[in-house]
Amino acid sequence: MAVNTTDWTDPIACPFCGDELASPGAGFVDHIHESETCEAEFEFWRENISGDVAGGWAG
């Protein structure tokens, strides 16, 4: 089992790289579209939790 080292405690920092975000919502979406590494990490995270959310996750 992999250890989760992602930091989800600061809503204005990217949980994957720590960069400051313009905003917690749209700023995060913009950031992952601008950073290939963070986008890949987000997609990996999303795939790992998809089975935990009944009916899938639309976010």
PDB file of N, CA and C in Angstrom:
ATOM      1  N   MET A   1       0.851  -1.178   0.000  1.00  0.00           N
ATOM      2  CA  MET A   1       0.000   0.000   0.000  1.00  0.00           C
ATOM      3  C   MET A   1       0.893   1.236   0.000  1.00  0.00           C
ATOM      4  N   ALA A   2       0.605   2.192  -0.874  1.00  0.00           N
ATOM      5  CA  ALA A   2       1.385   3.422  -0.964  1.00  0.00           C
ATOM      6  C   ALA A   2       1.027   4.365   0.176  1.00  0.00           C
ATOM      7  N   VAL A   3       2.005   5.113   0.607  1.00  0.00           N
ATOM      8  CA  VAL A   3       1.795   6.097   1.658  1.00  0.00           C
ATOM      9  C   VAL A   3       1.438   7.418   1.000  1.00  0.00           C
ATOM     10  N   ASN A   4       0.373   8.046   1.469  1.00  0.00           N
ATOM     11  CA  ASN A   4      -0.060   9.329   0.925  1.00  0.00           C
ATOM     12  C   ASN A   4       0.768  10.439   1.554  1.00  0.00           C
ATOM     13  N   THR A   5       1.597  11.090   0.741  1.00  0.00           N
ATOM     14  CA  THR A   5       2.410  12.191   1.248  1.00  0.00           C
ATOM     15  C   THR A   5       1.875  13.536   0.777  1.00  0.00           C
ATOM     16  N   THR A   6       0.693  13.536   0.181  1.00  0.00           N
ATOM     17  CA  THR A   6       0.064  14.753  -0.298  1.00  0.00           C
ATOM     18  C   THR A   6      -0.441  15.567   0.879  1.00  0.00           C
ATOM     19  N   ASP A   7      -0.203  16.880   0.849  1.00  0.00           N
ATOM     20  CA  ASP A   7      -0.613  17.765   1.944  1.00  0.00           C
ATOM     21  C   ASP A   7      -1.902  18.493   1.569  1.00  0.00           C
ATOM     22  N   TRP A   8      -3.004  18.090   2.182  1.00  0.00           N
ATOM     23  CA  TRP A   8      -4.310  18.684   1.903  1.00  0.00           C
ATOM     24  C   TRP A   8      -4.725  19.670   2.984  1.00  0.00           C
ATOM     25  N   THR A   9      -3.800  20.149   3.805  1.00  0.00           N
ATOM     26  CA  THR A   9      -4.166  20.998   4.935  1.00  0.00           C
ATOM     27  C   THR A   9      -4.247  22.480   4.603  1.00  0.00           C
ATOM     28  N   ASP A  10      -3.649  22.933   3.519  1.00  0.00           N
ATOM     29  CA  ASP A  10      -3.634  24.351   3.164  1.00  0.00           C
ATOM     30  C   ASP A  10      -4.424  24.550   1.869  1.00  0.00           C
ATOM     31  N   PRO A  11      -5.608  25.167   1.930  1.00  0.00           N
ATOM     32  CA  PRO A  11      -6.448  25.289   0.741  1.00  0.00           C
ATOM     33  C   PRO A  11      -5.902  26.227  -0.336  1.00  0.00           C
ATOM     34  N   ILE A  12      -4.897  27.024  -0.026  1.00  0.00           N
ATOM     35  CA  ILE A  12      -4.342  27.898  -1.063  1.00  0.00           C
ATOM     36  C   ILE A  12      -2.968  27.434  -1.536  1.00  0.00           C
ATOM     37  N   ALA A  13      -2.652  26.175  -1.265  1.00  0.00           N
ATOM     38  CA  ALA A  13      -1.414  25.576  -1.759  1.00  0.00           C
ATOM     39  C   ALA A  13      -1.756  24.295  -2.503  1.00  0.00           C
ATOM     40  N   CYS A  14      -1.072  24.064  -3.613  1.00  0.00           N
ATOM     41  CA  CYS A  14      -1.277  22.817  -4.347  1.00  0.00           C
ATOM     42  C   CYS A  14      -0.850  21.659  -3.453  1.00  0.00           C
ATOM     43  N   PRO A  15      -1.716  20.660  -3.276  1.00  0.00           N
ATOM     44  CA  PRO A  15      -1.368  19.535  -2.406  1.00  0.00           C
ATOM     45  C   PRO A  15      -0.281  18.643  -2.997  1.00  0.00           C
ATOM     46  N   PHE A  16       0.032  18.821  -4.270  1.00  0.00           N
ATOM     47  CA  PHE A  16       1.021  17.974  -4.926  1.00  0.00           C
ATOM     48  C   PHE A  16       2.407  18.599  -4.974  1.00  0.00           C
ATOM     49  N   CYS A  17       2.489  19.915  -5.173  1.00  0.00           N
ATOM     50  CA  CYS A  17       3.805  20.550  -5.279  1.00  0.00           C
ATOM     51  C   CYS A  17       4.026  21.647  -4.242  1.00  0.00           C
ATOM     52  N   GLY A  18       2.948  22.114  -3.594  1.00  0.00           N
ATOM     53  CA  GLY A  18       3.075  23.146  -2.576  1.00  0.00           C
ATOM     54  C   GLY A  18       3.024  24.566  -3.097  1.00  0.00           C
ATOM     55  N   ASP A  19       2.957  24.757  -4.425  1.00  0.00           N
ATOM     56  CA  ASP A  19       2.880  26.111  -4.980  1.00  0.00           C
ATOM     57  C   ASP A  19       1.617  26.814  -4.494  1.00  0.00           C
ATOM     58  N   GLU A  20       1.720  28.120  -4.306  1.00  0.00           N
ATOM     59  CA  GLU A  20       0.570  28.910  -3.893  1.00  0.00           C
ATOM     60  C   GLU A  20      -0.423  29.019  -5.046  1.00  0.00           C
ATOM     61  N   LEU A  21      -1.708  28.872  -4.726  1.00  0.00           N
ATOM     62  CA  LEU A  21      -2.775  28.945  -5.722  1.00  0.00           C
ATOM     63  C   LEU A  21      -3.445  30.307  -5.671  1.00  0.00           C
ATOM     64  N   ALA A  22      -3.976  30.748  -6.794  1.00  0.00           N
ATOM     65  CA  ALA A  22      -4.698  32.019  -6.842  1.00  0.00           C
ATOM     66  C   ALA A  22      -5.961  31.955  -5.996  1.00  0.00           C
ATOM     67  N   SER A  23      -6.580  30.780  -5.936  1.00  0.00           N
ATOM     68  CA  SER A  23      -7.766  30.553  -5.113  1.00  0.00           C
ATOM     69  C   SER A  23      -7.889  29.054  -4.871  1.00  0.00           C
ATOM     70  N   PRO A  24      -8.614  28.649  -3.836  1.00  0.00           N
ATOM     71  CA  PRO A  24      -8.718  27.226  -3.531  1.00  0.00           C
ATOM     72  C   PRO A  24      -9.473  26.412  -4.585  1.00  0.00           C
ATOM     73  N   GLY A  25     -10.422  26.990  -5.277  1.00  0.00           N
ATOM     74  CA  GLY A  25     -11.218  26.243  -6.254  1.00  0.00           C
ATOM     75  C   GLY A  25     -10.692  26.387  -7.661  1.00  0.00           C
ATOM     76  N   ALA A  26     -11.074  27.477  -8.300  1.00  0.00           N
ATOM     77  CA  ALA A  26     -10.679  27.713  -9.689  1.00  0.00           C
ATOM     78  C   ALA A  26      -9.164  27.812  -9.835  1.00  0.00           C
ATOM     79  N   GLY A  27      -8.505  28.342  -8.827  1.00  0.00           N
ATOM     80  CA  GLY A  27      -7.049  28.448  -8.876  1.00  0.00           C
ATOM     81  C   GLY A  27      -6.384  27.084  -8.938  1.00  0.00           C
ATOM     82  N   PHE A  28      -6.956  26.108  -8.232  1.00  0.00           N
ATOM     83  CA  PHE A  28      -6.419  24.747  -8.285  1.00  0.00           C
ATOM     84  C   PHE A  28      -6.626  24.149  -9.663  1.00  0.00           C
ATOM     85  N   VAL A  29      -7.814  24.326 -10.234  1.00  0.00           N
ATOM     86  CA  VAL A  29      -8.104  23.793 -11.567  1.00  0.00           C
ATOM     87  C   VAL A  29      -7.162  24.422 -12.596  1.00  0.00           C
ATOM     88  N   ASP A  30      -6.983  25.740 -12.526  1.00  0.00           N
ATOM     89  CA  ASP A  30      -6.052  26.418 -13.439  1.00  0.00           C
ATOM     90  C   ASP A  30      -4.646  25.856 -13.274  1.00  0.00           C
ATOM     91  N   HIS A  31      -4.230  25.670 -12.026  1.00  0.00           N
ATOM     92  CA  HIS A  31      -2.876  25.183 -11.735  1.00  0.00           C
ATOM     93  C   HIS A  31      -2.632  23.801 -12.328  1.00  0.00           C
ATOM     94  N   ILE A  32      -3.573  22.877 -12.152  1.00  0.00           N
ATOM     95  CA  ILE A  32      -3.326  21.534 -12.674  1.00  0.00           C
ATOM     96  C   ILE A  32      -3.342  21.502 -14.201  1.00  0.00           C
ATOM     97  N   HIS A  33      -4.021  22.460 -14.826  1.00  0.00           N
ATOM     98  CA  HIS A  33      -3.983  22.533 -16.287  1.00  0.00           C
ATOM     99  C   HIS A  33      -2.681  23.150 -16.773  1.00  0.00           C
ATOM    100  N   GLU A  34      -2.015  23.920 -15.921  1.00  0.00           N
ATOM    101  CA  GLU A  34      -0.748  24.554 -16.287  1.00  0.00           C
ATOM    102  C   GLU A  34       0.457  23.688 -15.921  1.00  0.00           C
ATOM    103  N   SER A  35       0.295  22.767 -14.987  1.00  0.00           N
ATOM    104  CA  SER A  35       1.398  21.924 -14.524  1.00  0.00           C
ATOM    105  C   SER A  35       1.124  20.471 -14.893  1.00  0.00           C
ATOM    106  N   GLU A  36       1.887  19.952 -15.851  1.00  0.00           N
ATOM    107  CA  GLU A  36       1.690  18.566 -16.274  1.00  0.00           C
ATOM    108  C   GLU A  36       1.913  17.588 -15.120  1.00  0.00           C
ATOM    109  N   THR A  37       2.898  17.873 -14.289  1.00  0.00           N
ATOM    110  CA  THR A  37       3.200  16.988 -13.162  1.00  0.00           C
ATOM    111  C   THR A  37       2.043  16.945 -12.180  1.00  0.00           C
ATOM    112  N   CYS A  38       1.523  18.117 -11.810  1.00  0.00           N
ATOM    113  CA  CYS A  38       0.418  18.161 -10.852  1.00  0.00           C
ATOM    114  C   CYS A  38      -0.856  17.576 -11.449  1.00  0.00           C
ATOM    115  N   GLU A  39      -1.071  17.787 -12.740  1.00  0.00           N
ATOM    116  CA  GLU A  39      -2.248  17.213 -13.387  1.00  0.00           C
ATOM    117  C   GLU A  39      -2.162  15.684 -13.361  1.00  0.00           C
ATOM    118  N   ALA A  40      -0.977  15.139 -13.628  1.00  0.00           N
ATOM    119  CA  ALA A  40      -0.801  13.689 -13.595  1.00  0.00           C
ATOM    120  C   ALA A  40      -1.009  13.155 -12.172  1.00  0.00           C
ATOM    121  N   GLU A  41      -0.471  13.863 -11.179  1.00  0.00           N
ATOM    122  CA  GLU A  41      -0.654  13.454  -9.782  1.00  0.00           C
ATOM    123  C   GLU A  41      -2.132  13.509  -9.385  1.00  0.00           C
ATOM    124  N   PHE A  42      -2.838  14.552  -9.827  1.00  0.00           N
ATOM    125  CA  PHE A  42      -4.263  14.683  -9.525  1.00  0.00           C
ATOM    126  C   PHE A  42      -5.049  13.534 -10.148  1.00  0.00           C
ATOM    127  N   GLU A  43      -4.755  13.208 -11.410  1.00  0.00           N
ATOM    128  CA  GLU A  43      -5.465  12.117 -12.075  1.00  0.00           C
ATOM    129  C   GLU A  43      -5.186  10.785 -11.386  1.00  0.00           C
ATOM    130  N   PHE A  44      -3.951  10.570 -10.939  1.00  0.00           N
ATOM    131  CA  PHE A  44      -3.595   9.356 -10.197  1.00  0.00           C
ATOM    132  C   PHE A  44      -4.386   9.298  -8.897  1.00  0.00           C
ATOM    133  N   TRP A  45      -4.426  10.412  -8.165  1.00  0.00           N
ATOM    134  CA  TRP A  45      -5.180  10.493  -6.903  1.00  0.00           C
ATOM    135  C   TRP A  45      -6.661  10.216  -7.159  1.00  0.00           C
ATOM    136  N   ARG A  46      -7.190  10.857  -8.211  1.00  0.00           N
ATOM    137  CA  ARG A  46      -8.608  10.714  -8.537  1.00  0.00           C
ATOM    138  C   ARG A  46      -8.955   9.264  -8.863  1.00  0.00           C
ATOM    139  N   GLU A  47      -8.100   8.582  -9.615  1.00  0.00           N
ATOM    140  CA  GLU A  47      -8.332   7.174  -9.933  1.00  0.00           C
ATOM    141  C   GLU A  47      -8.341   6.319  -8.665  1.00  0.00           C
ATOM    142  N   ASN A  48      -7.459   6.655  -7.730  1.00  0.00           N
ATOM    143  CA  ASN A  48      -7.366   5.877  -6.496  1.00  0.00           C
ATOM    144  C   ASN A  48      -8.582   6.042  -5.595  1.00  0.00           C
ATOM    145  N   ILE A  49      -9.243   7.187  -5.626  1.00  0.00           N
ATOM    146  CA  ILE A  49     -10.396   7.387  -4.744  1.00  0.00           C
ATOM    147  C   ILE A  49     -11.724   7.124  -5.435  1.00  0.00           C
ATOM    148  N   SER A  50     -11.710   6.914  -6.743  1.00  0.00           N
ATOM    149  CA  SER A  50     -12.971   6.770  -7.484  1.00  0.00           C
ATOM    150  C   SER A  50     -13.851   5.650  -6.939  1.00  0.00           C
ATOM    151  N   GLY A  51     -13.279   4.574  -6.469  1.00  0.00           N
ATOM    152  CA  GLY A  51     -14.065   3.484  -5.907  1.00  0.00           C
ATOM    153  C   GLY A  51     -14.610   3.783  -4.517  1.00  0.00           C
ATOM    154  N   ASP A  52     -14.092   4.830  -3.883  1.00  0.00           N
ATOM    155  CA  ASP A  52     -14.539   5.192  -2.540  1.00  0.00           C
ATOM    156  C   ASP A  52     -15.820   6.035  -2.549  1.00  0.00           C
ATOM    157  N   VAL A  53     -16.164   6.578  -3.713  1.00  0.00           N
ATOM    158  CA  VAL A  53     -17.318   7.464  -3.832  1.00  0.00           C
ATOM    159  C   VAL A  53     -18.395   6.735  -4.623  1.00  0.00           C
ATOM    160  N   ALA A  54     -19.534   6.456  -3.979  1.00  0.00           N
ATOM    161  CA  ALA A  54     -20.610   5.751  -4.637  1.00  0.00           C
ATOM    162  C   ALA A  54     -21.089   6.491  -5.876  1.00  0.00           C
ATOM    163  N   GLY A  55     -21.185   5.801  -6.991  1.00  0.00           N
ATOM    164  CA  GLY A  55     -21.657   6.414  -8.230  1.00  0.00           C
ATOM    165  C   GLY A  55     -20.585   7.222  -8.937  1.00  0.00           C
ATOM    166  N   GLY A  56     -19.338   7.178  -8.477  1.00  0.00           N
ATOM    167  CA  GLY A  56     -18.253   7.934  -9.104  1.00  0.00           C
ATOM    168  C   GLY A  56     -18.150   9.333  -8.562  1.00  0.00           C
ATOM    169  N   TRP A  57     -17.194  10.044  -9.073  1.00  0.00           N
ATOM    170  CA  TRP A  57     -16.942  11.425  -8.625  1.00  0.00           C
ATOM    171  C   TRP A  57     -16.889  12.317  -9.846  1.00  0.00           C
ATOM    172  N   ALA A  58     -17.725  13.326  -9.886  1.00  0.00           N
ATOM    173  CA  ALA A  58     -17.822  14.203 -11.051  1.00  0.00           C
ATOM    174  C   ALA A  58     -16.847  15.360 -10.994  1.00  0.00           C
ATOM    175  N   GLY A  59     -16.193  15.599  -9.838  1.00  0.00           N
ATOM    176  CA  GLY A  59     -15.321  16.759  -9.669  1.00  0.00           C
ATOM    177  C   GLY A  59     -14.054  16.738 -10.425  1.00  0.00           C
TER     178      GLY A  59
END
